[in-house]
Structure formats: structure tokens, C-alpha cells
Amino acid sequence: MNLADWRRRIDEIDKKLVELLNERSRCALEIGRLKQAANIPLYQPERENEVLANAENNNCGPLTDAAIRRLFERIIDEARAAERDAMHPDGDRSEDGND
């Protein structure tokens, strides 16, 4: 494969990543709704640690575990923001302690 072929392949992968990230975000929104209905706090560090450990355990490289952790920390941050928005559509976030 030449440079253009590899770039097309990356573009295809990026498209799939965007689709998967949005699918994951939809799941996080549903979780946010369930948490709100059950009066469960948004931030659950045990679950976050579990997600990070799972990501690292599934890593076969060439990215390092530290790189995977950083990527997933960012994904989790964005998911938490989406959950927060779903739980507080009027913008009031005073109850979740993550202002």
C-alpha cells in the first residue's frame, strides 16, 4: 500500500471510531437517565477505575497502557459531561459536586 492507501485506511478507521464514540455516548446518556431516576451520584470512581483497567487489559499495542489510559480518561470525561447534561438539562449542576 502507498501513502494515499494508508491515509484512506485511517480515514475509514476514524469514521468507525466516531460512530463507536457516539454509540458509547448514547449508552452513557441512558446511564445518566437511570442514575437520575435512581438518585445515584454521577461520579462513581470504582466504575471509572474498572473501565480504565478493562481498557488496559484489552490493549495489545502498539499504544502503551499509559496512552490507552489517557485516551480513555478523556473519553470518560466527555461521557460524564454528556451524563451531567442529561441529568441537569436546565444547567443546574449544584447537586453532583462536579462543578
PDB file of N, CA and C in Angstrom:
ATOM      1  N   MET A   1       0.852  -1.191   0.000  1.00  0.00           N
ATOM      2  CA  MET A   1       0.000   0.000   0.000  1.00  0.00           C
ATOM      3  C   MET A   1       0.891   1.246   0.000  1.00  0.00           C
ATOM      4  N   ASN A   2       0.392   2.276  -0.669  1.00  0.00           N
ATOM      5  CA  ASN A   2       1.131   3.529  -0.705  1.00  0.00           C
ATOM      6  C   ASN A   2       0.565   4.512   0.321  1.00  0.00           C
ATOM      7  N   LEU A   3       1.123   5.702   0.374  1.00  0.00           N
ATOM      8  CA  LEU A   3       0.724   6.711   1.351  1.00  0.00           C
ATOM      9  C   LEU A   3      -0.773   7.027   1.271  1.00  0.00           C
ATOM     10  N   ALA A   4      -1.285   7.203   0.074  1.00  0.00           N
ATOM     11  CA  ALA A   4      -2.708   7.517  -0.101  1.00  0.00           C
ATOM     12  C   ALA A   4      -3.590   6.379   0.403  1.00  0.00           C
ATOM     13  N   ASP A   5      -3.166   5.148   0.156  1.00  0.00           N
ATOM     14  CA  ASP A   5      -3.921   3.991   0.635  1.00  0.00           C
ATOM     15  C   ASP A   5      -3.977   3.969   2.161  1.00  0.00           C
ATOM     16  N   TRP A   6      -2.836   4.201   2.802  1.00  0.00           N
ATOM     17  CA  TRP A   6      -2.798   4.211   4.268  1.00  0.00           C
ATOM     18  C   TRP A   6      -3.654   5.339   4.829  1.00  0.00           C
ATOM     19  N   ARG A   7      -3.627   6.488   4.170  1.00  0.00           N
ATOM     20  CA  ARG A   7      -4.453   7.614   4.642  1.00  0.00           C
ATOM     21  C   ARG A   7      -5.938   7.310   4.487  1.00  0.00           C
ATOM     22  N   ARG A   8      -6.298   6.665   3.398  1.00  0.00           N
ATOM     23  CA  ARG A   8      -7.705   6.265   3.225  1.00  0.00           C
ATOM     24  C   ARG A   8      -8.108   5.275   4.313  1.00  0.00           C
ATOM     25  N   ARG A   9      -7.220   4.365   4.625  1.00  0.00           N
ATOM     26  CA  ARG A   9      -7.486   3.382   5.690  1.00  0.00           C
ATOM     27  C   ARG A   9      -7.685   4.084   7.023  1.00  0.00           C
ATOM     28  N   ILE A  10      -6.842   5.064   7.331  1.00  0.00           N
ATOM     29  CA  ILE A  10      -7.003   5.838   8.570  1.00  0.00           C
ATOM     30  C   ILE A  10      -8.328   6.586   8.564  1.00  0.00           C
ATOM     31  N   ASP A  11      -8.707   7.168   7.424  1.00  0.00           N
ATOM     32  CA  ASP A  11      -9.991   7.871   7.336  1.00  0.00           C
ATOM     33  C   ASP A  11     -11.158   6.919   7.610  1.00  0.00           C
ATOM     34  N   GLU A  12     -11.078   5.698   7.099  1.00  0.00           N
ATOM     35  CA  GLU A  12     -12.115   4.694   7.356  1.00  0.00           C
ATOM     36  C   GLU A  12     -12.182   4.338   8.833  1.00  0.00           C
ATOM     37  N   ILE A  13     -11.029   4.152   9.439  1.00  0.00           N
ATOM     38  CA  ILE A  13     -10.970   3.825  10.868  1.00  0.00           C
ATOM     39  C   ILE A  13     -11.513   4.984  11.695  1.00  0.00           C
ATOM     40  N   ASP A  14     -11.126   6.211  11.332  1.00  0.00           N
ATOM     41  CA  ASP A  14     -11.620   7.382  12.065  1.00  0.00           C
ATOM     42  C   ASP A  14     -13.143   7.472  12.003  1.00  0.00           C
ATOM     43  N   LYS A  15     -13.712   7.172  10.838  1.00  0.00           N
ATOM     44  CA  LYS A  15     -15.170   7.190  10.709  1.00  0.00           C
ATOM     45  C   LYS A  15     -15.804   6.181  11.671  1.00  0.00           C
ATOM     46  N   LYS A  16     -15.225   4.989  11.733  1.00  0.00           N
ATOM     47  CA  LYS A  16     -15.730   3.960  12.644  1.00  0.00           C
ATOM     48  C   LYS A  16     -15.568   4.388  14.094  1.00  0.00           C
ATOM     49  N   LEU A  17     -14.431   5.010  14.419  1.00  0.00           N
ATOM     50  CA  LEU A  17     -14.213   5.491  15.791  1.00  0.00           C
ATOM     51  C   LEU A  17     -15.266   6.514  16.186  1.00  0.00           C
ATOM     52  N   VAL A  18     -15.574   7.441  15.294  1.00  0.00           N
ATOM     53  CA  VAL A  18     -16.598   8.452  15.580  1.00  0.00           C
ATOM     54  C   VAL A  18     -17.950   7.775  15.816  1.00  0.00           C
ATOM     55  N   GLU A  19     -18.288   6.803  14.980  1.00  0.00           N
ATOM     56  CA  GLU A  19     -19.551   6.076  15.161  1.00  0.00           C
ATOM     57  C   GLU A  19     -19.571   5.370  16.516  1.00  0.00           C
ATOM     58  N   LEU A  20     -18.483   4.699  16.869  1.00  0.00           N
ATOM     59  CA  LEU A  20     -18.415   3.974  18.144  1.00  0.00           C
ATOM     60  C   LEU A  20     -18.442   4.921  19.339  1.00  0.00           C
ATOM     61  N   LEU A  21     -17.740   6.043  19.230  1.00  0.00           N
ATOM     62  CA  LEU A  21     -17.752   7.011  20.334  1.00  0.00           C
ATOM     63  C   LEU A  21     -19.148   7.586  20.546  1.00  0.00           C
ATOM     64  N   ASN A  22     -19.861   7.843  19.458  1.00  0.00           N
ATOM     65  CA  ASN A  22     -21.234   8.336  19.594  1.00  0.00           C
ATOM     66  C   ASN A  22     -22.161   7.261  20.151  1.00  0.00           C
ATOM     67  N   GLU A  23     -21.954   6.018  19.748  1.00  0.00           N
ATOM     68  CA  GLU A  23     -22.744   4.922  20.311  1.00  0.00           C
ATOM     69  C   GLU A  23     -22.478   4.800  21.810  1.00  0.00           C
ATOM     70  N   ARG A  24     -21.210   4.902  22.195  1.00  0.00           N
ATOM     71  CA  ARG A  24     -20.838   4.844  23.612  1.00  0.00           C
ATOM     72  C   ARG A  24     -21.475   6.012  24.371  1.00  0.00           C
ATOM     73  N   SER A  25     -21.488   7.173  23.750  1.00  0.00           N
ATOM     74  CA  SER A  25     -22.080   8.353  24.383  1.00  0.00           C
ATOM     75  C   SER A  25     -23.584   8.175  24.580  1.00  0.00           C
ATOM     76  N   ARG A  26     -24.246   7.568  23.616  1.00  0.00           N
ATOM     77  CA  ARG A  26     -25.681   7.294  23.779  1.00  0.00           C
ATOM     78  C   ARG A  26     -25.918   6.372  24.973  1.00  0.00           C
ATOM     79  N   CYS A  27     -25.051   5.379  25.137  1.00  0.00           N
ATOM     80  CA  CYS A  27     -25.143   4.491  26.300  1.00  0.00           C
ATOM     81  C   CYS A  27     -24.949   5.285  27.591  1.00  0.00           C
ATOM     82  N   ALA A  28     -23.953   6.167  27.597  1.00  0.00           N
ATOM     83  CA  ALA A  28     -23.691   6.986  28.785  1.00  0.00           C
ATOM     84  C   ALA A  28     -24.888   7.875  29.111  1.00  0.00           C
ATOM     85  N   LEU A  29     -25.557   8.391  28.090  1.00  0.00           N
ATOM     86  CA  LEU A  29     -26.743   9.210  28.328  1.00  0.00           C
ATOM     87  C   LEU A  29     -27.854   8.395  28.985  1.00  0.00           C
ATOM     88  N   GLU A  30     -28.033   7.173  28.511  1.00  0.00           N
ATOM     89  CA  GLU A  30     -29.043   6.306  29.130  1.00  0.00           C
ATOM     90  C   GLU A  30     -28.664   5.999  30.577  1.00  0.00           C
ATOM     91  N   ILE A  31     -27.388   5.761  30.821  1.00  0.00           N
ATOM     92  CA  ILE A  31     -26.929   5.524  32.190  1.00  0.00           C
ATOM     93  C   ILE A  31     -27.197   6.751  33.041  1.00  0.00           C
ATOM     94  N   GLY A  32     -26.944   7.936  32.495  1.00  0.00           N
ATOM     95  CA  GLY A  32     -27.229   9.174  33.219  1.00  0.00           C
ATOM     96  C   GLY A  32     -28.691   9.287  33.596  1.00  0.00           C
ATOM     97  N   ARG A  33     -29.568   8.908  32.690  1.00  0.00           N
ATOM     98  CA  ARG A  33     -31.013   8.951  32.981  1.00  0.00           C
ATOM     99  C   ARG A  33     -31.380   7.956  34.088  1.00  0.00           C
ATOM    100  N   LEU A  34     -30.792   6.757  34.001  1.00  0.00           N
ATOM    101  CA  LEU A  34     -31.052   5.744  35.028  1.00  0.00           C
ATOM    102  C   LEU A  34     -30.511   6.187  36.389  1.00  0.00           C
ATOM    103  N   LYS A  35     -29.329   6.793  36.397  1.00  0.00           N
ATOM    104  CA  LYS A  35     -28.761   7.294  37.651  1.00  0.00           C
ATOM    105  C   LYS A  35     -29.656   8.362  38.252  1.00  0.00           C
ATOM    106  N   GLN A  36     -30.143   9.250  37.405  1.00  0.00           N
ATOM    107  CA  GLN A  36     -31.019  10.309  37.897  1.00  0.00           C
ATOM    108  C   GLN A  36     -32.295   9.721  38.490  1.00  0.00           C
ATOM    109  N   ALA A  37     -32.879   8.753  37.805  1.00  0.00           N
ATOM    110  CA  ALA A  37     -34.118   8.137  38.286  1.00  0.00           C
ATOM    111  C   ALA A  37     -33.897   7.396  39.601  1.00  0.00           C
ATOM    112  N   ALA A  38     -32.712   6.816  39.763  1.00  0.00           N
ATOM    113  CA  ALA A  38     -32.409   6.050  40.977  1.00  0.00           C
ATOM    114  C   ALA A  38     -31.710   6.894  42.036  1.00  0.00           C
ATOM    115  N   ASN A  39     -31.530   8.177  41.732  1.00  0.00           N
ATOM    116  CA  ASN A  39     -30.866   9.095  42.664  1.00  0.00           C
ATOM    117  C   ASN A  39     -29.447   8.609  43.016  1.00  0.00           C
ATOM    118  N   ILE A  40     -28.720   8.166  41.991  1.00  0.00           N
ATOM    119  CA  ILE A  40     -27.349   7.681  42.138  1.00  0.00           C
ATOM    120  C   ILE A  40     -26.417   8.809  41.696  1.00  0.00           C
ATOM    121  N   PRO A  41     -25.318   9.031  42.421  1.00  0.00           N
ATOM    122  CA  PRO A  41     -24.396  10.095  42.020  1.00  0.00           C
ATOM    123  C   PRO A  41     -23.786   9.840  40.645  1.00  0.00           C
ATOM    124  N   LEU A  42     -23.520  10.920  39.944  1.00  0.00           N
ATOM    125  CA  LEU A  42     -22.938  10.828  38.612  1.00  0.00           C
ATOM    126  C   LEU A  42     -21.543  10.212  38.660  1.00  0.00           C
ATOM    127  N   TYR A  43     -20.702  10.721  39.536  1.00  0.00           N
ATOM    128  CA  TYR A  43     -19.314  10.265  39.585  1.00  0.00           C
ATOM    129  C   TYR A  43     -19.205   9.018  40.441  1.00  0.00           C
ATOM    130  N   GLN A  44     -18.726   7.934  39.836  1.00  0.00           N
ATOM    131  CA  GLN A  44     -18.528   6.671  40.531  1.00  0.00           C
ATOM    132  C   GLN A  44     -17.110   6.191  40.245  1.00  0.00           C
ATOM    133  N   PRO A  45     -16.155   6.563  41.113  1.00  0.00           N
ATOM    134  CA  PRO A  45     -14.742   6.258  40.841  1.00  0.00           C
ATOM    135  C   PRO A  45     -14.443   4.777  40.690  1.00  0.00           C
ATOM    136  N   GLU A  46     -15.177   3.921  41.381  1.00  0.00           N
ATOM    137  CA  GLU A  46     -14.926   2.483  41.261  1.00  0.00           C
ATOM    138  C   GLU A  46     -15.198   2.019  39.830  1.00  0.00           C
ATOM    139  N   ARG A  47     -16.299   2.483  39.258  1.00  0.00           N
ATOM    140  CA  ARG A  47     -16.645   2.099  37.886  1.00  0.00           C
ATOM    141  C   ARG A  47     -15.639   2.678  36.899  1.00  0.00           C
ATOM    142  N   GLU A  48     -15.233   3.918  37.135  1.00  0.00           N
ATOM    143  CA  GLU A  48     -14.246   4.533  36.253  1.00  0.00           C
ATOM    144  C   GLU A  48     -12.945   3.730  36.265  1.00  0.00           C
ATOM    145  N   ASN A  49     -12.506   3.331  37.435  1.00  0.00           N
ATOM    146  CA  ASN A  49     -11.289   2.514  37.537  1.00  0.00           C
ATOM    147  C   ASN A  49     -11.456   1.180  36.827  1.00  0.00           C
ATOM    148  N   GLU A  50     -12.651   0.608  36.915  1.00  0.00           N
ATOM    149  CA  GLU A  50     -12.931  -0.659  36.232  1.00  0.00           C
ATOM    150  C   GLU A  50     -12.837  -0.490  34.713  1.00  0.00           C
ATOM    151  N   VAL A  51     -13.400   0.592  34.199  1.00  0.00           N
ATOM    152  CA  VAL A  51     -13.350   0.864  32.759  1.00  0.00           C
ATOM    153  C   VAL A  51     -11.904   1.040  32.301  1.00  0.00           C
ATOM    154  N   LEU A  52     -11.128   1.800  33.069  1.00  0.00           N
ATOM    155  CA  LEU A  52      -9.721   2.024  32.713  1.00  0.00           C
ATOM    156  C   LEU A  52      -8.921   0.721  32.747  1.00  0.00           C
ATOM    157  N   ALA A  53      -9.160  -0.095  33.767  1.00  0.00           N
ATOM    158  CA  ALA A  53      -8.467  -1.380  33.865  1.00  0.00           C
ATOM    159  C   ALA A  53      -8.854  -2.290  32.700  1.00  0.00           C
ATOM    160  N   ASN A  54     -10.129  -2.305  32.347  1.00  0.00           N
ATOM    161  CA  ASN A  54     -10.574  -3.113  31.207  1.00  0.00           C
ATOM    162  C   ASN A  54      -9.893  -2.668  29.916  1.00  0.00           C
ATOM    163  N   ALA A  55      -9.792  -1.362  29.719  1.00  0.00           N
ATOM    164  CA  ALA A  55      -9.153  -0.837  28.513  1.00  0.00           C
ATOM    165  C   ALA A  55      -7.689  -1.268  28.462  1.00  0.00           C
ATOM    166  N   GLU A  56      -6.999  -1.143  29.588  1.00  0.00           N
ATOM    167  CA  GLU A  56      -5.597  -1.545  29.627  1.00  0.00           C
ATOM    168  C   GLU A  56      -5.449  -3.056  29.417  1.00  0.00           C
ATOM    169  N   ASN A  57      -6.329  -3.835  30.004  1.00  0.00           N
ATOM    170  CA  ASN A  57      -6.262  -5.291  29.858  1.00  0.00           C
ATOM    171  C   ASN A  57      -6.521  -5.739  28.423  1.00  0.00           C
ATOM    172  N   ASN A  58      -7.281  -4.948  27.676  1.00  0.00           N
ATOM    173  CA  ASN A  58      -7.574  -5.281  26.280  1.00  0.00           C
ATOM    174  C   ASN A  58      -6.537  -4.731  25.310  1.00  0.00           C
ATOM    175  N   ASN A  59      -5.564  -4.010  25.823  1.00  0.00           N
ATOM    176  CA  ASN A  59      -4.565  -3.379  24.975  1.00  0.00           C
ATOM    177  C   ASN A  59      -3.495  -4.379  24.538  1.00  0.00           C
ATOM    178  N   CYS A  60      -3.339  -4.495  23.237  1.00  0.00           N
ATOM    179  CA  CYS A  60      -2.298  -5.365  22.674  1.00  0.00           C
ATOM    180  C   CYS A  60      -1.225  -4.552  21.958  1.00  0.00           C
ATOM    181  N   GLY A  61      -1.256  -3.228  22.103  1.00  0.00           N
ATOM    182  CA  GLY A  61      -0.255  -2.371  21.474  1.00  0.00           C
ATOM    183  C   GLY A  61      -0.541  -2.139  20.008  1.00  0.00           C
ATOM    184  N   PRO A  62       0.179  -1.250  19.403  1.00  0.00           N
ATOM    185  CA  PRO A  62       1.438  -0.683  19.850  1.00  0.00           C
ATOM    186  C   PRO A  62       1.312   0.476  20.841  1.00  0.00           C
ATOM    187  N   LEU A  63       0.089   0.966  21.089  1.00  0.00           N
ATOM    188  CA  LEU A  63      -0.052   2.009  22.100  1.00  0.00           C
ATOM    189  C   LEU A  63       0.279   1.438  23.476  1.00  0.00           C
ATOM    190  N   THR A  64       0.917   2.236  24.305  1.00  0.00           N
ATOM    191  CA  THR A  64       1.240   1.801  25.659  1.00  0.00           C
ATOM    192  C   THR A  64      -0.021   1.819  26.516  1.00  0.00           C
ATOM    193  N   ASP A  65       0.022   1.115  27.636  1.00  0.00           N
ATOM    194  CA  ASP A  65      -1.101   1.155  28.571  1.00  0.00           C
ATOM    195  C   ASP A  65      -1.353   2.580  29.049  1.00  0.00           C
ATOM    196  N   ALA A  66      -0.281   3.343  29.255  1.00  0.00           N
ATOM    197  CA  ALA A  66      -0.429   4.733  29.696  1.00  0.00           C
ATOM    198  C   ALA A  66      -1.167   5.558  28.637  1.00  0.00           C
ATOM    199  N   ALA A  67      -0.865   5.323  27.374  1.00  0.00           N
ATOM    200  CA  ALA A  67      -1.556   6.038  26.293  1.00  0.00           C
ATOM    201  C   ALA A  67      -3.030   5.652  26.246  1.00  0.00           C
ATOM    202  N   ILE A  68      -3.302   4.370  26.372  1.00  0.00           N
ATOM    203  CA  ILE A  68      -4.694   3.902  26.387  1.00  0.00           C
ATOM    204  C   ILE A  68      -5.434   4.519  27.563  1.00  0.00           C
ATOM    205  N   ARG A  69      -4.795   4.555  28.728  1.00  0.00           N
ATOM    206  CA  ARG A  69      -5.407   5.149  29.919  1.00  0.00           C
ATOM    207  C   ARG A  69      -5.748   6.620  29.661  1.00  0.00           C
ATOM    208  N   ARG A  70      -4.813   7.374  29.090  1.00  0.00           N
ATOM    209  CA  ARG A  70      -5.071   8.798  28.817  1.00  0.00           C
ATOM    210  C   ARG A  70      -6.229   8.973  27.848  1.00  0.00           C
ATOM    211  N   LEU A  71      -6.272   8.155  26.805  1.00  0.00           N
ATOM    212  CA  LEU A  71      -7.367   8.248  25.838  1.00  0.00           C
ATOM    213  C   LEU A  71      -8.709   7.954  26.506  1.00  0.00           C
ATOM    214  N   PHE A  72      -8.744   6.897  27.307  1.00  0.00           N
ATOM    215  CA  PHE A  72      -9.998   6.536  27.953  1.00  0.00           C
ATOM    216  C   PHE A  72     -10.378   7.525  29.046  1.00  0.00           C
ATOM    217  N   GLU A  73      -9.410   8.119  29.702  1.00  0.00           N
ATOM    218  CA  GLU A  73      -9.739   9.166  30.679  1.00  0.00           C
ATOM    219  C   GLU A  73     -10.460  10.314  29.982  1.00  0.00           C
ATOM    220  N   ARG A  74     -10.008  10.665  28.808  1.00  0.00           N
ATOM    221  CA  ARG A  74     -10.651  11.745  28.047  1.00  0.00           C
ATOM    222  C   ARG A  74     -12.047  11.320  27.592  1.00  0.00           C
ATOM    223  N   ILE A  75     -12.171  10.095  27.115  1.00  0.00           N
ATOM    224  CA  ILE A  75     -13.485   9.586  26.695  1.00  0.00           C
ATOM    225  C   ILE A  75     -14.445   9.603  27.878  1.00  0.00           C
ATOM    226  N   ILE A  76     -13.981   9.171  29.039  1.00  0.00           N
ATOM    227  CA  ILE A  76     -14.815   9.153  30.244  1.00  0.00           C
ATOM    228  C   ILE A  76     -15.208  10.574  30.638  1.00  0.00           C
ATOM    229  N   ASP A  77     -14.263  11.515  30.558  1.00  0.00           N
ATOM    230  CA  ASP A  77     -14.582  12.909  30.875  1.00  0.00           C
ATOM    231  C   ASP A  77     -15.710  13.425  29.992  1.00  0.00           C
ATOM    232  N   GLU A  78     -15.635  13.129  28.708  1.00  0.00           N
ATOM    233  CA  GLU A  78     -16.671  13.594  27.785  1.00  0.00           C
ATOM    234  C   GLU A  78     -17.998  12.879  28.042  1.00  0.00           C
ATOM    235  N   ALA A  79     -17.938  11.603  28.372  1.00  0.00           N
ATOM    236  CA  ALA A  79     -19.161  10.864  28.688  1.00  0.00           C
ATOM    237  C   ALA A  79     -19.807  11.421  29.952  1.00  0.00           C
ATOM    238  N   ARG A  80     -18.977  11.741  30.948  1.00  0.00           N
ATOM    239  CA  ARG A  80     -19.501  12.306  32.194  1.00  0.00           C
ATOM    240  C   ARG A  80     -20.159  13.658  31.924  1.00  0.00           C
ATOM    241  N   ALA A  81     -19.566  14.457  31.055  1.00  0.00           N
ATOM    242  CA  ALA A  81     -20.162  15.744  30.701  1.00  0.00           C
ATOM    243  C   ALA A  81     -21.517  15.543  30.027  1.00  0.00           C
ATOM    244  N   ALA A  82     -21.600  14.544  29.149  1.00  0.00           N
ATOM    245  CA  ALA A  82     -22.878  14.251  28.489  1.00  0.00           C
ATOM    246  C   ALA A  82     -23.908  13.761  29.507  1.00  0.00           C
ATOM    247  N   GLU A  83     -23.473  12.907  30.446  1.00  0.00           N
ATOM    248  CA  GLU A  83     -24.378  12.435  31.501  1.00  0.00           C
ATOM    249  C   GLU A  83     -24.867  13.607  32.348  1.00  0.00           C
ATOM    250  N   ARG A  84     -23.944  14.487  32.703  1.00  0.00           N
ATOM    251  CA  ARG A  84     -24.282  15.640  33.538  1.00  0.00           C
ATOM    252  C   ARG A  84     -25.321  16.498  32.832  1.00  0.00           C
ATOM    253  N   ASP A  85     -25.123  16.718  31.526  1.00  0.00           N
ATOM    254  CA  ASP A  85     -26.086  17.499  30.757  1.00  0.00           C
ATOM    255  C   ASP A  85     -27.447  16.809  30.722  1.00  0.00           C
ATOM    256  N   ALA A  86     -27.437  15.474  30.616  1.00  0.00           N
ATOM    257  CA  ALA A  86     -28.699  14.731  30.595  1.00  0.00           C
ATOM    258  C   ALA A  86     -29.395  14.797  31.948  1.00  0.00           C
ATOM    259  N   MET A  87     -28.604  14.773  33.032  1.00  0.00           N
ATOM    260  CA  MET A  87     -29.187  14.804  34.374  1.00  0.00           C
ATOM    261  C   MET A  87     -29.669  16.193  34.755  1.00  0.00           C
ATOM    262  N   HIS A  88     -29.054  17.212  34.171  1.00  0.00           N
ATOM    263  CA  HIS A  88     -29.377  18.597  34.524  1.00  0.00           C
ATOM    264  C   HIS A  88     -29.581  19.422  33.254  1.00  0.00           C
ATOM    265  N   PRO A  89     -30.638  19.133  32.511  1.00  0.00           N
ATOM    266  CA  PRO A  89     -30.832  19.825  31.235  1.00  0.00           C
ATOM    267  C   PRO A  89     -31.030  21.330  31.378  1.00  0.00           C
ATOM    268  N   ASP A  90     -31.409  21.784  32.569  1.00  0.00           N
ATOM    269  CA  ASP A  90     -31.607  23.216  32.782  1.00  0.00           C
ATOM    270  C   ASP A  90     -30.317  23.934  33.152  1.00  0.00           C
ATOM    271  N   GLY A  91     -29.191  23.186  33.212  1.00  0.00           N
ATOM    272  CA  GLY A  91     -27.910  23.784  33.525  1.00  0.00           C
ATOM    273  C   GLY A  91     -27.566  23.800  34.992  1.00  0.00           C
ATOM    274  N   ASP A  92     -28.455  23.348  35.885  1.00  0.00           N
ATOM    275  CA  ASP A  92     -28.190  23.333  37.326  1.00  0.00           C
ATOM    276  C   ASP A  92     -27.406  22.075  37.669  1.00  0.00           C
ATOM    277  N   ARG A  93     -26.144  22.261  38.036  1.00  0.00           N
ATOM    278  CA  ARG A  93     -25.283  21.126  38.365  1.00  0.00           C
ATOM    279  C   ARG A  93     -24.830  21.159  39.811  1.00  0.00           C
ATOM    280  N   SER A  94     -25.470  21.925  40.626  1.00  0.00           N
ATOM    281  CA  SER A  94     -25.008  22.097  42.008  1.00  0.00           C
ATOM    282  C   SER A  94     -25.077  20.830  42.834  1.00  0.00           C
ATOM    283  N   GLU A  95     -25.911  19.879  42.453  1.00  0.00           N
ATOM    284  CA  GLU A  95     -26.114  18.678  43.244  1.00  0.00           C
ATOM    285  C   GLU A  95     -25.074  17.596  42.982  1.00  0.00           C
ATOM    286  N   ASP A  96     -24.376  17.617  41.845  1.00  0.00           N
ATOM    287  CA  ASP A  96     -23.494  16.498  41.534  1.00  0.00           C
ATOM    288  C   ASP A  96     -22.073  16.659  42.047  1.00  0.00           C
ATOM    289  N   GLY A  97     -21.751  17.819  42.582  1.00  0.00           N
ATOM    290  CA  GLY A  97     -20.444  18.014  43.183  1.00  0.00           C
ATOM    291  C   GLY A  97     -19.306  18.088  42.195  1.00  0.00           C
ATOM    292  N   ASN A  98     -19.593  18.168  40.912  1.00  0.00           N
ATOM    293  CA  ASN A  98     -18.549  18.225  39.898  1.00  0.00           C
ATOM    294  C   ASN A  98     -18.573  19.541  39.146  1.00  0.00           C
ATOM    295  N   ASP A  99     -18.868  20.622  39.829  1.00  0.00           N
ATOM    296  CA  ASP A  99     -18.962  21.931  39.171  1.00  0.00           C
ATOM    297  C   ASP A  99     -17.631  22.342  38.597  1.00  0.00           C
TER     298      ASP A  99
END
